């Protein structure tokens, strides 16, 4: 039996199949957002803080942006991050 993990945008009811990497990235940036409001970071800083490759972080950020879970605004070598907190992670068994 497989457990599948999904990110759910509760505002739009959009579900995105994801994994633990996606979940950890979202929880990390959501925590930073709760503490600071919109914040600025580079992909390199996030990848270093989380221990994932820059390409992996960039991939999941892109998918989360398409799911309207985060907003990224490019500022030179950094991004301004805004995060929706109406997000859940759900597991289904297949």
N, C-alpha and C. Protein backbone atom coordinates (compact mmCIF):
# COMPACT_ATOMS: atom_id res chain seq x y z
N UNK A 1 0.84 -1.18 0.00
CA UNK A 1 0.00 0.00 0.00
C UNK A 1 0.90 1.25 0.00
N UNK A 2 0.66 2.15 -0.93
CA UNK A 2 1.42 3.39 -1.05
C UNK A 2 0.68 4.54 -0.40
N UNK A 3 1.41 5.39 0.29
CA UNK A 3 0.84 6.64 0.79
C UNK A 3 1.25 7.75 -0.17
N UNK A 4 0.26 8.47 -0.69
CA UNK A 4 0.53 9.60 -1.57
C UNK A 4 0.29 10.88 -0.80
N UNK A 5 1.20 11.83 -0.94
CA UNK A 5 1.10 13.11 -0.26
C UNK A 5 0.66 14.17 -1.25
N UNK A 6 -0.28 15.00 -0.83
CA UNK A 6 -0.79 16.08 -1.67
C UNK A 6 -0.76 17.39 -0.89
N UNK A 7 -0.42 18.45 -1.59
CA UNK A 7 -0.55 19.80 -1.07
C UNK A 7 -1.90 20.31 -1.55
N UNK A 8 -2.71 20.80 -0.64
CA UNK A 8 -4.05 21.29 -0.98
C UNK A 8 -4.14 22.78 -0.72
N UNK A 9 -4.43 23.55 -1.77
CA UNK A 9 -4.73 24.97 -1.62
C UNK A 9 -6.19 25.04 -1.22
N UNK A 10 -6.46 25.36 0.03
CA UNK A 10 -7.83 25.33 0.54
C UNK A 10 -8.71 26.43 -0.05
N UNK A 11 -8.10 27.50 -0.57
CA UNK A 11 -8.88 28.57 -1.20
C UNK A 11 -9.45 28.13 -2.55
N UNK A 12 -8.63 27.44 -3.33
CA UNK A 12 -9.04 27.05 -4.68
C UNK A 12 -9.40 25.57 -4.79
N UNK A 13 -9.11 24.81 -3.75
CA UNK A 13 -9.32 23.34 -3.73
C UNK A 13 -8.40 22.61 -4.70
N UNK A 14 -7.35 23.30 -5.16
CA UNK A 14 -6.39 22.68 -6.07
C UNK A 14 -5.46 21.76 -5.28
N UNK A 15 -5.28 20.54 -5.77
CA UNK A 15 -4.37 19.58 -5.15
C UNK A 15 -3.16 19.37 -6.03
N UNK A 16 -2.01 19.34 -5.40
CA UNK A 16 -0.74 19.13 -6.10
C UNK A 16 -0.08 17.91 -5.48
N UNK A 17 0.17 16.89 -6.29
CA UNK A 17 0.92 15.74 -5.79
C UNK A 17 2.31 16.20 -5.42
N UNK A 18 2.76 15.83 -4.24
CA UNK A 18 4.08 16.30 -3.80
C UNK A 18 4.77 15.21 -2.99
N UNK A 19 5.87 15.57 -2.39
CA UNK A 19 6.62 14.64 -1.56
C UNK A 19 7.11 15.38 -0.31
N UNK A 20 7.90 14.72 0.48
CA UNK A 20 8.37 15.30 1.74
C UNK A 20 9.27 16.52 1.50
N UNK A 21 9.98 16.54 0.39
CA UNK A 21 10.81 17.71 0.06
C UNK A 21 9.93 18.94 -0.12
N UNK A 22 8.87 18.80 -0.90
CA UNK A 22 7.93 19.90 -1.11
C UNK A 22 7.34 20.36 0.22
N UNK A 23 6.94 19.41 1.03
CA UNK A 23 6.34 19.72 2.34
C UNK A 23 7.31 20.50 3.22
N UNK A 24 8.56 20.05 3.28
CA UNK A 24 9.56 20.74 4.11
C UNK A 24 9.84 22.15 3.58
N UNK A 25 9.92 22.31 2.26
CA UNK A 25 10.14 23.64 1.69
C UNK A 25 8.98 24.56 2.06
N UNK A 26 7.75 24.08 1.84
CA UNK A 26 6.59 24.92 2.16
C UNK A 26 6.57 25.29 3.65
N UNK A 27 6.76 24.31 4.52
CA UNK A 27 6.71 24.60 5.96
C UNK A 27 7.79 25.59 6.37
N UNK A 28 8.97 25.49 5.77
CA UNK A 28 10.07 26.41 6.06
C UNK A 28 9.71 27.84 5.65
N UNK A 29 9.25 28.01 4.42
CA UNK A 29 8.95 29.37 3.97
C UNK A 29 7.69 29.91 4.64
N UNK A 30 6.74 29.05 4.98
CA UNK A 30 5.54 29.51 5.70
C UNK A 30 5.93 29.99 7.10
N UNK A 31 6.88 29.31 7.73
CA UNK A 31 7.36 29.72 9.06
C UNK A 31 8.06 31.07 8.98
N UNK A 32 8.91 31.25 7.98
CA UNK A 32 9.59 32.54 7.79
C UNK A 32 8.56 33.64 7.54
N UNK A 33 7.52 33.33 6.78
CA UNK A 33 6.49 34.32 6.46
C UNK A 33 5.70 34.69 7.70
N UNK A 34 5.37 33.70 8.54
CA UNK A 34 4.64 34.00 9.78
C UNK A 34 5.45 34.91 10.70
N UNK A 35 6.77 34.70 10.73
CA UNK A 35 7.65 35.49 11.60
C UNK A 35 7.92 36.88 11.05
N UNK A 36 7.99 37.03 9.72
CA UNK A 36 8.47 38.26 9.12
C UNK A 36 7.52 38.92 8.13
N UNK A 37 6.42 38.30 7.78
CA UNK A 37 5.61 38.80 6.67
C UNK A 37 6.33 38.46 5.38
N UNK A 38 6.06 39.21 4.33
CA UNK A 38 6.76 38.98 3.07
C UNK A 38 8.26 39.10 3.33
N UNK A 39 9.02 38.14 2.85
CA UNK A 39 10.46 38.13 3.14
C UNK A 39 11.25 37.93 1.85
N UNK A 40 12.53 38.21 1.92
CA UNK A 40 13.43 38.11 0.77
C UNK A 40 14.45 37.01 1.01
N UNK A 41 14.67 36.20 0.00
CA UNK A 41 15.66 35.13 0.08
C UNK A 41 16.11 34.77 -1.32
N UNK A 42 17.23 34.10 -1.39
CA UNK A 42 17.68 33.55 -2.67
C UNK A 42 17.42 32.05 -2.67
N UNK A 43 17.42 31.47 -3.85
CA UNK A 43 17.27 30.02 -3.96
C UNK A 43 18.44 29.34 -3.25
N UNK A 44 19.62 29.92 -3.40
CA UNK A 44 20.81 29.34 -2.77
C UNK A 44 20.68 29.32 -1.25
N UNK A 45 20.14 30.39 -0.65
CA UNK A 45 19.96 30.43 0.79
C UNK A 45 18.96 29.37 1.25
N UNK A 46 17.85 29.25 0.52
CA UNK A 46 16.86 28.24 0.88
C UNK A 46 17.44 26.83 0.73
N UNK A 47 18.14 26.60 -0.35
CA UNK A 47 18.70 25.27 -0.58
C UNK A 47 19.71 24.92 0.51
N UNK A 48 20.51 25.88 0.91
CA UNK A 48 21.49 25.66 1.97
C UNK A 48 20.81 25.40 3.31
N UNK A 49 19.78 26.18 3.63
CA UNK A 49 19.07 26.03 4.90
C UNK A 49 18.36 24.68 4.99
N UNK A 50 17.86 24.19 3.85
CA UNK A 50 17.08 22.96 3.85
C UNK A 50 17.89 21.71 3.50
N UNK A 51 19.08 21.91 2.93
CA UNK A 51 19.91 20.77 2.56
C UNK A 51 19.49 20.09 1.27
N UNK A 52 18.82 20.83 0.38
CA UNK A 52 18.40 20.29 -0.92
C UNK A 52 19.13 21.04 -2.03
N UNK A 53 19.15 20.44 -3.21
CA UNK A 53 19.79 21.08 -4.35
C UNK A 53 19.01 22.33 -4.77
N UNK A 54 19.70 23.27 -5.36
CA UNK A 54 19.03 24.48 -5.85
C UNK A 54 18.00 24.12 -6.91
N UNK A 55 18.31 23.17 -7.78
CA UNK A 55 17.36 22.80 -8.83
C UNK A 55 16.11 22.16 -8.22
N UNK A 56 16.26 21.37 -7.18
CA UNK A 56 15.11 20.76 -6.51
C UNK A 56 14.23 21.80 -5.84
N UNK A 57 14.86 22.76 -5.17
CA UNK A 57 14.11 23.85 -4.53
C UNK A 57 13.39 24.67 -5.58
N UNK A 58 14.09 25.01 -6.65
CA UNK A 58 13.50 25.80 -7.74
C UNK A 58 12.29 25.07 -8.35
N UNK A 59 12.42 23.77 -8.55
CA UNK A 59 11.34 22.96 -9.12
C UNK A 59 10.09 23.04 -8.26
N UNK A 60 10.22 22.78 -6.95
CA UNK A 60 9.04 22.78 -6.08
C UNK A 60 8.48 24.18 -5.89
N UNK A 61 9.32 25.20 -5.85
CA UNK A 61 8.82 26.57 -5.74
C UNK A 61 7.99 26.92 -6.98
N UNK A 62 8.46 26.49 -8.14
CA UNK A 62 7.73 26.75 -9.38
C UNK A 62 6.34 26.10 -9.34
N UNK A 63 6.27 24.85 -8.89
CA UNK A 63 4.98 24.16 -8.81
C UNK A 63 4.07 24.81 -7.77
N UNK A 64 4.64 25.21 -6.64
CA UNK A 64 3.83 25.86 -5.61
C UNK A 64 3.32 27.22 -6.09
N UNK A 65 4.13 27.89 -6.89
CA UNK A 65 3.70 29.17 -7.45
C UNK A 65 2.54 28.95 -8.43
N UNK A 66 2.63 27.93 -9.27
CA UNK A 66 1.56 27.61 -10.21
C UNK A 66 0.27 27.22 -9.49
N UNK A 67 0.40 26.64 -8.28
CA UNK A 67 -0.76 26.24 -7.49
C UNK A 67 -1.30 27.40 -6.65
N UNK A 68 -0.73 28.60 -6.84
CA UNK A 68 -1.13 29.80 -6.09
C UNK A 68 -0.98 29.65 -4.58
N UNK A 69 0.05 28.91 -4.18
CA UNK A 69 0.35 28.73 -2.77
C UNK A 69 1.38 29.76 -2.32
N UNK A 70 2.27 30.13 -3.23
CA UNK A 70 3.27 31.16 -2.94
C UNK A 70 3.30 32.15 -4.09
N UNK A 71 3.80 33.33 -3.79
CA UNK A 71 4.06 34.35 -4.81
C UNK A 71 5.53 34.70 -4.73
N UNK A 72 6.20 34.64 -5.86
CA UNK A 72 7.62 35.00 -5.95
C UNK A 72 7.75 36.23 -6.82
N UNK A 73 8.45 37.23 -6.31
CA UNK A 73 8.74 38.42 -7.10
C UNK A 73 10.25 38.57 -7.17
N UNK A 74 10.78 38.52 -8.38
CA UNK A 74 12.24 38.58 -8.59
C UNK A 74 12.77 39.96 -8.27
N UNK A 75 13.82 40.03 -7.47
CA UNK A 75 14.52 41.27 -7.12
C UNK A 75 16.02 41.00 -7.25
N UNK A 76 16.59 41.29 -8.41
CA UNK A 76 18.00 41.05 -8.67
C UNK A 76 18.32 39.57 -8.43
N UNK A 77 19.17 39.25 -7.44
CA UNK A 77 19.53 37.85 -7.17
C UNK A 77 18.64 37.21 -6.12
N UNK A 78 17.62 37.92 -5.68
CA UNK A 78 16.75 37.44 -4.62
C UNK A 78 15.30 37.43 -5.09
N UNK A 79 14.46 36.78 -4.30
CA UNK A 79 13.02 36.78 -4.53
C UNK A 79 12.34 37.30 -3.27
N UNK A 80 11.27 38.04 -3.46
CA UNK A 80 10.38 38.36 -2.36
C UNK A 80 9.34 37.26 -2.32
N UNK A 81 9.15 36.66 -1.15
CA UNK A 81 8.22 35.56 -0.97
C UNK A 81 6.98 36.01 -0.22
N UNK A 82 5.83 35.66 -0.74
CA UNK A 82 4.57 35.81 -0.02
C UNK A 82 3.94 34.43 -0.03
N UNK A 83 3.34 34.04 1.08
CA UNK A 83 2.89 32.66 1.26
C UNK A 83 1.43 32.62 1.69
N UNK A 84 0.66 31.76 1.07
CA UNK A 84 -0.71 31.49 1.52
C UNK A 84 -0.64 30.51 2.68
N UNK A 85 -1.39 30.80 3.73
CA UNK A 85 -1.40 29.89 4.88
C UNK A 85 -2.64 29.00 4.88
N UNK A 86 -3.46 29.11 3.83
CA UNK A 86 -4.63 28.24 3.70
C UNK A 86 -4.24 27.01 2.90
N UNK A 87 -3.29 26.28 3.43
CA UNK A 87 -2.71 25.11 2.76
C UNK A 87 -2.71 23.95 3.74
N UNK A 88 -3.05 22.80 3.23
CA UNK A 88 -2.99 21.56 4.03
C UNK A 88 -2.20 20.53 3.26
N UNK A 89 -1.67 19.58 4.00
CA UNK A 89 -1.05 18.42 3.38
C UNK A 89 -1.91 17.22 3.73
N UNK A 90 -2.32 16.50 2.72
CA UNK A 90 -3.18 15.35 2.94
C UNK A 90 -2.52 14.10 2.37
N UNK A 91 -2.83 12.99 2.96
CA UNK A 91 -2.29 11.71 2.54
C UNK A 91 -3.43 10.81 2.10
N UNK A 92 -3.23 10.13 1.00
CA UNK A 92 -4.21 9.13 0.58
C UNK A 92 -3.49 7.80 0.40
N UNK A 93 -4.18 6.74 0.63
CA UNK A 93 -3.63 5.40 0.48
C UNK A 93 -4.08 4.82 -0.85
N UNK A 94 -3.13 4.30 -1.60
CA UNK A 94 -3.46 3.62 -2.88
C UNK A 94 -2.97 2.20 -2.84
